[in-house]
């Protein structure tokens, strides 16, 4: 048996040499998506509003950071994703390539 397989069994607290008891119910695995708490939702909404104001002022770098926070916090929210992608298009002047490897960083 490979190291990875042994590691996965020991990670779950199972002995790889003993078959699990079929009559005993398996422990529930709580790795599914959980609802977002109202406090987190409020913080994400504030980030979204702040990012929208920054994008309106042509501060696309800061707006990208704000929208990244929103998308990471609630990846299923289509409004956050659309605004994030629209901001990236504006940030890179819709060049379809992004910053590129050889682009010089901005010096402010």
N, C-alpha and C. Protein backbone atom coordinates (compact mmCIF):
# COMPACT_ATOMS: atom_id res chain seq x y z
N UNK A 1 0.84 -1.17 0.00
CA UNK A 1 0.00 0.00 0.00
C UNK A 1 0.89 1.24 0.00
N UNK A 2 0.56 2.21 -0.83
CA UNK A 2 1.37 3.41 -0.94
C UNK A 2 1.22 4.33 0.27
N UNK A 3 2.15 5.25 0.38
CA UNK A 3 2.15 6.20 1.49
C UNK A 3 0.89 7.05 1.47
N UNK A 4 0.48 7.50 0.29
CA UNK A 4 -0.69 8.36 0.20
C UNK A 4 -1.93 7.66 0.73
N UNK A 5 -2.12 6.40 0.36
CA UNK A 5 -3.30 5.67 0.82
C UNK A 5 -3.27 5.48 2.32
N UNK A 6 -2.12 5.16 2.88
CA UNK A 6 -2.01 5.02 4.33
C UNK A 6 -2.29 6.35 5.01
N UNK A 7 -1.77 7.43 4.42
CA UNK A 7 -1.97 8.75 5.01
C UNK A 7 -3.45 9.10 5.02
N UNK A 8 -4.16 8.83 3.92
CA UNK A 8 -5.57 9.16 3.84
C UNK A 8 -6.37 8.37 4.87
N UNK A 9 -6.04 7.09 5.08
CA UNK A 9 -6.76 6.30 6.07
C UNK A 9 -6.46 6.80 7.48
N UNK A 10 -5.20 7.09 7.76
CA UNK A 10 -4.86 7.54 9.11
C UNK A 10 -5.41 8.93 9.38
N UNK A 11 -5.55 9.73 8.33
CA UNK A 11 -6.11 11.07 8.48
C UNK A 11 -7.56 10.99 8.95
N UNK A 12 -8.28 10.00 8.49
CA UNK A 12 -9.68 9.84 8.86
C UNK A 12 -9.85 8.96 10.11
N UNK A 13 -8.75 8.49 10.65
CA UNK A 13 -8.82 7.65 11.85
C UNK A 13 -9.25 6.23 11.55
N UNK A 14 -9.01 5.75 10.35
CA UNK A 14 -9.40 4.40 9.95
C UNK A 14 -8.17 3.51 9.85
N UNK A 15 -8.35 2.24 10.12
CA UNK A 15 -7.28 1.27 9.95
C UNK A 15 -7.44 0.68 8.54
N UNK A 16 -6.42 0.79 7.68
CA UNK A 16 -6.57 0.31 6.31
C UNK A 16 -6.68 -1.20 6.21
N UNK A 17 -6.32 -1.93 7.25
CA UNK A 17 -6.36 -3.39 7.21
C UNK A 17 -7.67 -3.97 7.71
N UNK A 18 -8.56 -3.13 8.23
CA UNK A 18 -9.83 -3.60 8.78
C UNK A 18 -10.97 -2.96 7.99
N UNK A 19 -11.86 -3.77 7.46
CA UNK A 19 -13.01 -3.24 6.72
C UNK A 19 -13.97 -2.56 7.69
N UNK A 20 -14.57 -1.44 7.30
CA UNK A 20 -15.53 -0.77 8.18
C UNK A 20 -16.76 -1.63 8.39
N UNK A 21 -17.40 -1.48 9.53
CA UNK A 21 -18.59 -2.24 9.88
C UNK A 21 -19.77 -1.69 9.09
N UNK A 22 -20.41 -2.49 8.20
CA UNK A 22 -21.50 -1.98 7.38
C UNK A 22 -22.76 -1.65 8.19
N UNK A 23 -22.92 -2.21 9.38
CA UNK A 23 -24.11 -1.93 10.18
C UNK A 23 -23.97 -0.63 10.97
N UNK A 24 -22.75 -0.15 11.10
CA UNK A 24 -22.51 1.08 11.85
C UNK A 24 -22.61 2.27 10.89
N UNK A 25 -23.37 3.29 11.24
CA UNK A 25 -23.50 4.43 10.33
C UNK A 25 -22.19 5.21 10.23
N UNK A 26 -21.93 5.70 9.04
CA UNK A 26 -20.72 6.49 8.84
C UNK A 26 -20.92 7.86 9.47
N UNK A 27 -19.82 8.42 9.96
CA UNK A 27 -19.88 9.76 10.53
C UNK A 27 -20.17 10.76 9.41
N UNK A 28 -20.98 11.75 9.72
CA UNK A 28 -21.30 12.74 8.68
C UNK A 28 -20.08 13.59 8.41
N UNK A 29 -19.90 13.89 7.14
CA UNK A 29 -18.76 14.70 6.71
C UNK A 29 -19.28 16.12 6.45
N UNK A 30 -18.87 17.07 7.25
CA UNK A 30 -19.38 18.44 7.15
C UNK A 30 -18.50 19.30 6.25
N UNK A 31 -18.13 18.79 5.10
CA UNK A 31 -17.30 19.57 4.18
C UNK A 31 -18.13 20.30 3.15
N UNK A 32 -19.45 20.15 3.18
CA UNK A 32 -20.32 20.82 2.21
C UNK A 32 -20.39 22.31 2.49
N UNK A 33 -21.02 23.01 1.58
CA UNK A 33 -21.15 24.46 1.74
C UNK A 33 -22.08 24.78 2.90
N UNK A 34 -21.69 25.75 3.67
CA UNK A 34 -22.49 26.22 4.79
C UNK A 34 -23.06 27.58 4.42
N UNK A 35 -24.23 27.95 4.98
CA UNK A 35 -24.77 29.28 4.70
C UNK A 35 -23.85 30.37 5.25
N UNK A 36 -23.87 31.51 4.59
CA UNK A 36 -23.03 32.63 5.00
C UNK A 36 -23.75 33.38 6.12
N UNK A 37 -23.02 33.68 7.18
CA UNK A 37 -23.62 34.39 8.30
C UNK A 37 -23.95 35.82 7.91
N UNK A 38 -24.92 36.44 8.56
CA UNK A 38 -25.29 37.83 8.24
C UNK A 38 -24.12 38.81 8.40
N UNK A 39 -23.27 38.58 9.38
CA UNK A 39 -22.12 39.49 9.58
C UNK A 39 -21.15 39.41 8.41
N UNK A 40 -20.88 38.19 7.94
CA UNK A 40 -19.97 38.02 6.80
C UNK A 40 -20.60 38.59 5.54
N UNK A 41 -21.89 38.35 5.36
CA UNK A 41 -22.58 38.89 4.19
C UNK A 41 -22.53 40.42 4.18
N UNK A 42 -22.70 41.03 5.34
CA UNK A 42 -22.65 42.49 5.45
C UNK A 42 -21.25 43.01 5.10
N UNK A 43 -20.22 42.31 5.60
CA UNK A 43 -18.84 42.71 5.30
C UNK A 43 -18.54 42.59 3.81
N UNK A 44 -19.02 41.51 3.19
CA UNK A 44 -18.82 41.33 1.75
C UNK A 44 -19.55 42.41 0.96
N UNK A 45 -20.74 42.77 1.41
CA UNK A 45 -21.49 43.82 0.72
C UNK A 45 -20.76 45.16 0.83
N UNK A 46 -20.17 45.43 1.99
CA UNK A 46 -19.39 46.67 2.15
C UNK A 46 -18.16 46.67 1.25
N UNK A 47 -17.50 45.52 1.14
CA UNK A 47 -16.35 45.41 0.23
C UNK A 47 -16.79 45.65 -1.21
N UNK A 48 -17.93 45.09 -1.58
CA UNK A 48 -18.44 45.25 -2.94
C UNK A 48 -18.75 46.72 -3.24
N UNK A 49 -19.41 47.39 -2.31
CA UNK A 49 -19.74 48.80 -2.51
C UNK A 49 -18.49 49.66 -2.59
N UNK A 50 -17.52 49.36 -1.72
CA UNK A 50 -16.27 50.11 -1.73
C UNK A 50 -15.50 49.86 -3.04
N UNK A 51 -15.49 48.62 -3.49
CA UNK A 51 -14.85 48.29 -4.76
C UNK A 51 -15.52 48.98 -5.93
N UNK A 52 -16.85 49.08 -5.90
CA UNK A 52 -17.57 49.77 -6.98
C UNK A 52 -17.24 51.25 -6.99
N UNK A 53 -17.13 51.86 -5.81
CA UNK A 53 -16.75 53.28 -5.75
C UNK A 53 -15.32 53.48 -6.25
N UNK A 54 -14.42 52.56 -5.90
CA UNK A 54 -13.03 52.66 -6.36
C UNK A 54 -12.93 52.50 -7.87
N UNK A 55 -13.72 51.60 -8.43
CA UNK A 55 -13.70 51.40 -9.88
C UNK A 55 -14.25 52.65 -10.60
N UNK A 56 -15.24 53.30 -9.99
CA UNK A 56 -15.79 54.52 -10.58
C UNK A 56 -14.75 55.64 -10.60
N UNK A 57 -13.81 55.59 -9.66
CA UNK A 57 -12.73 56.59 -9.60
C UNK A 57 -11.50 56.14 -10.39
N UNK A 58 -11.63 55.08 -11.18
CA UNK A 58 -10.54 54.50 -11.99
C UNK A 58 -9.39 53.96 -11.15
N UNK A 59 -9.67 53.54 -9.93
CA UNK A 59 -8.68 52.87 -9.09
C UNK A 59 -8.94 51.37 -9.19
N UNK A 60 -8.59 50.80 -10.35
CA UNK A 60 -8.94 49.42 -10.65
C UNK A 60 -8.14 48.41 -9.83
N UNK A 61 -6.92 48.76 -9.43
CA UNK A 61 -6.12 47.83 -8.63
C UNK A 61 -6.78 47.57 -7.28
N UNK A 62 -7.19 48.64 -6.61
CA UNK A 62 -7.83 48.49 -5.30
C UNK A 62 -9.20 47.83 -5.44
N UNK A 63 -9.91 48.20 -6.50
CA UNK A 63 -11.23 47.60 -6.74
C UNK A 63 -11.09 46.09 -6.96
N UNK A 64 -10.02 45.67 -7.65
CA UNK A 64 -9.79 44.24 -7.86
C UNK A 64 -9.60 43.53 -6.53
N UNK A 65 -8.85 44.13 -5.62
CA UNK A 65 -8.66 43.52 -4.30
C UNK A 65 -9.98 43.39 -3.56
N UNK A 66 -10.81 44.41 -3.64
CA UNK A 66 -12.12 44.37 -2.97
C UNK A 66 -13.01 43.28 -3.58
N UNK A 67 -13.04 43.20 -4.90
CA UNK A 67 -13.87 42.20 -5.56
C UNK A 67 -13.34 40.79 -5.34
N UNK A 68 -12.01 40.64 -5.22
CA UNK A 68 -11.45 39.32 -4.91
C UNK A 68 -11.93 38.85 -3.55
N UNK A 69 -12.00 39.76 -2.59
CA UNK A 69 -12.49 39.42 -1.27
C UNK A 69 -13.95 38.95 -1.35
N UNK A 70 -14.74 39.65 -2.15
CA UNK A 70 -16.15 39.28 -2.30
C UNK A 70 -16.31 37.90 -2.94
N UNK A 71 -15.57 37.65 -4.01
CA UNK A 71 -15.69 36.37 -4.72
C UNK A 71 -15.17 35.23 -3.85
N UNK A 72 -14.10 35.46 -3.11
CA UNK A 72 -13.58 34.41 -2.22
C UNK A 72 -14.56 34.11 -1.08
N UNK A 73 -15.23 35.13 -0.60
CA UNK A 73 -16.16 34.94 0.51
C UNK A 73 -17.47 34.31 0.09
N UNK A 74 -17.94 34.61 -1.12
CA UNK A 74 -19.20 34.05 -1.62
C UNK A 74 -19.04 33.74 -3.11
N UNK A 75 -18.41 32.60 -3.44
CA UNK A 75 -18.13 32.28 -4.84
C UNK A 75 -19.37 32.00 -5.68
N UNK A 76 -20.52 31.79 -5.07
CA UNK A 76 -21.72 31.51 -5.85
C UNK A 76 -22.51 32.77 -6.20
N UNK A 77 -22.07 33.93 -5.74
CA UNK A 77 -22.78 35.17 -6.03
C UNK A 77 -22.37 35.67 -7.41
N UNK A 78 -23.31 35.62 -8.35
CA UNK A 78 -23.01 35.97 -9.74
C UNK A 78 -22.73 37.46 -9.90
N UNK A 79 -23.33 38.29 -9.07
CA UNK A 79 -23.10 39.73 -9.17
C UNK A 79 -21.64 40.05 -8.84
N UNK A 80 -21.12 39.42 -7.80
CA UNK A 80 -19.71 39.63 -7.43
C UNK A 80 -18.79 39.19 -8.56
N UNK A 81 -19.08 38.04 -9.13
CA UNK A 81 -18.22 37.50 -10.19
C UNK A 81 -18.26 38.39 -11.44
N UNK A 82 -19.46 38.82 -11.84
CA UNK A 82 -19.59 39.68 -13.02
C UNK A 82 -18.83 41.00 -12.83
N UNK A 83 -18.99 41.60 -11.66
CA UNK A 83 -18.33 42.87 -11.40
C UNK A 83 -16.81 42.69 -11.34
N UNK A 84 -16.36 41.58 -10.76
CA UNK A 84 -14.93 41.29 -10.69
C UNK A 84 -14.34 41.16 -12.10
N UNK A 85 -15.01 40.41 -12.96
CA UNK A 85 -14.50 40.22 -14.33
C UNK A 85 -14.58 41.51 -15.14
N UNK A 86 -15.64 42.28 -14.96
CA UNK A 86 -15.75 43.57 -15.66
C UNK A 86 -14.64 44.51 -15.22
N UNK A 87 -14.32 44.48 -13.93
CA UNK A 87 -13.24 45.34 -13.42
C UNK A 87 -11.89 44.91 -13.99
N UNK A 88 -11.67 43.61 -14.13
CA UNK A 88 -10.41 43.15 -14.72
C UNK A 88 -10.29 43.59 -16.17
N UNK A 89 -11.40 43.56 -16.91
CA UNK A 89 -11.37 44.04 -18.30
C UNK A 89 -10.97 45.51 -18.35
N UNK A 90 -11.54 46.31 -17.46
CA UNK A 90 -11.20 47.73 -17.42
C UNK A 90 -9.76 47.94 -16.97
N UNK A 91 -9.34 47.14 -16.01
CA UNK A 91 -7.98 47.27 -15.47
C UNK A 91 -6.93 47.05 -16.54
N UNK A 92 -7.14 46.06 -17.38
CA UNK A 92 -6.17 45.72 -18.42
C UNK A 92 -6.58 46.24 -19.79
N UNK A 93 -7.44 47.23 -19.84
CA UNK A 93 -7.88 47.86 -21.08
C UNK A 93 -8.42 46.86 -22.09
N UNK A 94 -9.04 45.81 -21.60
CA UNK A 94 -9.67 44.79 -22.44
C UNK A 94 -8.71 44.20 -23.48
N UNK A 95 -7.43 43.98 -23.07
CA UNK A 95 -6.44 43.47 -24.01
C UNK A 95 -6.41 41.95 -24.10
N UNK A 96 -7.25 41.26 -23.32
CA UNK A 96 -7.39 39.81 -23.34
C UNK A 96 -6.13 39.05 -22.95
N UNK A 97 -5.12 39.74 -22.42
CA UNK A 97 -3.88 39.07 -22.03
C UNK A 97 -3.53 39.29 -20.57
N UNK A 98 -4.07 40.28 -19.92
CA UNK A 98 -3.68 40.58 -18.56
C UNK A 98 -2.42 41.42 -18.54
N UNK A 99 -1.72 41.41 -17.43
CA UNK A 99 -0.53 42.25 -17.29
C UNK A 99 0.62 41.72 -18.13
N UNK A 100 0.72 40.43 -18.25
CA UNK A 100 1.82 39.85 -19.02
C UNK A 100 3.06 39.66 -18.17
N UNK A 101 3.93 38.84 -18.65
CA UNK A 101 5.14 38.50 -17.91
C UNK A 101 6.16 39.63 -17.93
N UNK A 102 6.25 40.33 -19.04
CA UNK A 102 7.30 41.33 -19.19
C UNK A 102 6.85 42.74 -18.86
N UNK A 103 5.60 42.90 -18.39
CA UNK A 103 5.13 44.25 -18.10
C UNK A 103 5.82 44.77 -16.84
N UNK A 104 6.12 46.04 -16.88
CA UNK A 104 6.79 46.68 -15.74
C UNK A 104 5.74 47.04 -14.69
N UNK A 105 6.04 46.86 -13.41
CA UNK A 105 5.08 47.23 -12.38
C UNK A 105 4.90 48.75 -12.33
N UNK A 106 3.73 49.18 -11.89
CA UNK A 106 3.47 50.61 -11.77
C UNK A 106 4.25 51.16 -10.59
N UNK A 107 4.86 52.30 -10.81
CA UNK A 107 5.56 53.00 -9.73
C UNK A 107 4.78 54.27 -9.44
N UNK A 108 4.15 54.30 -8.29
CA UNK A 108 3.34 55.48 -7.93
C UNK A 108 4.10 56.37 -7.00
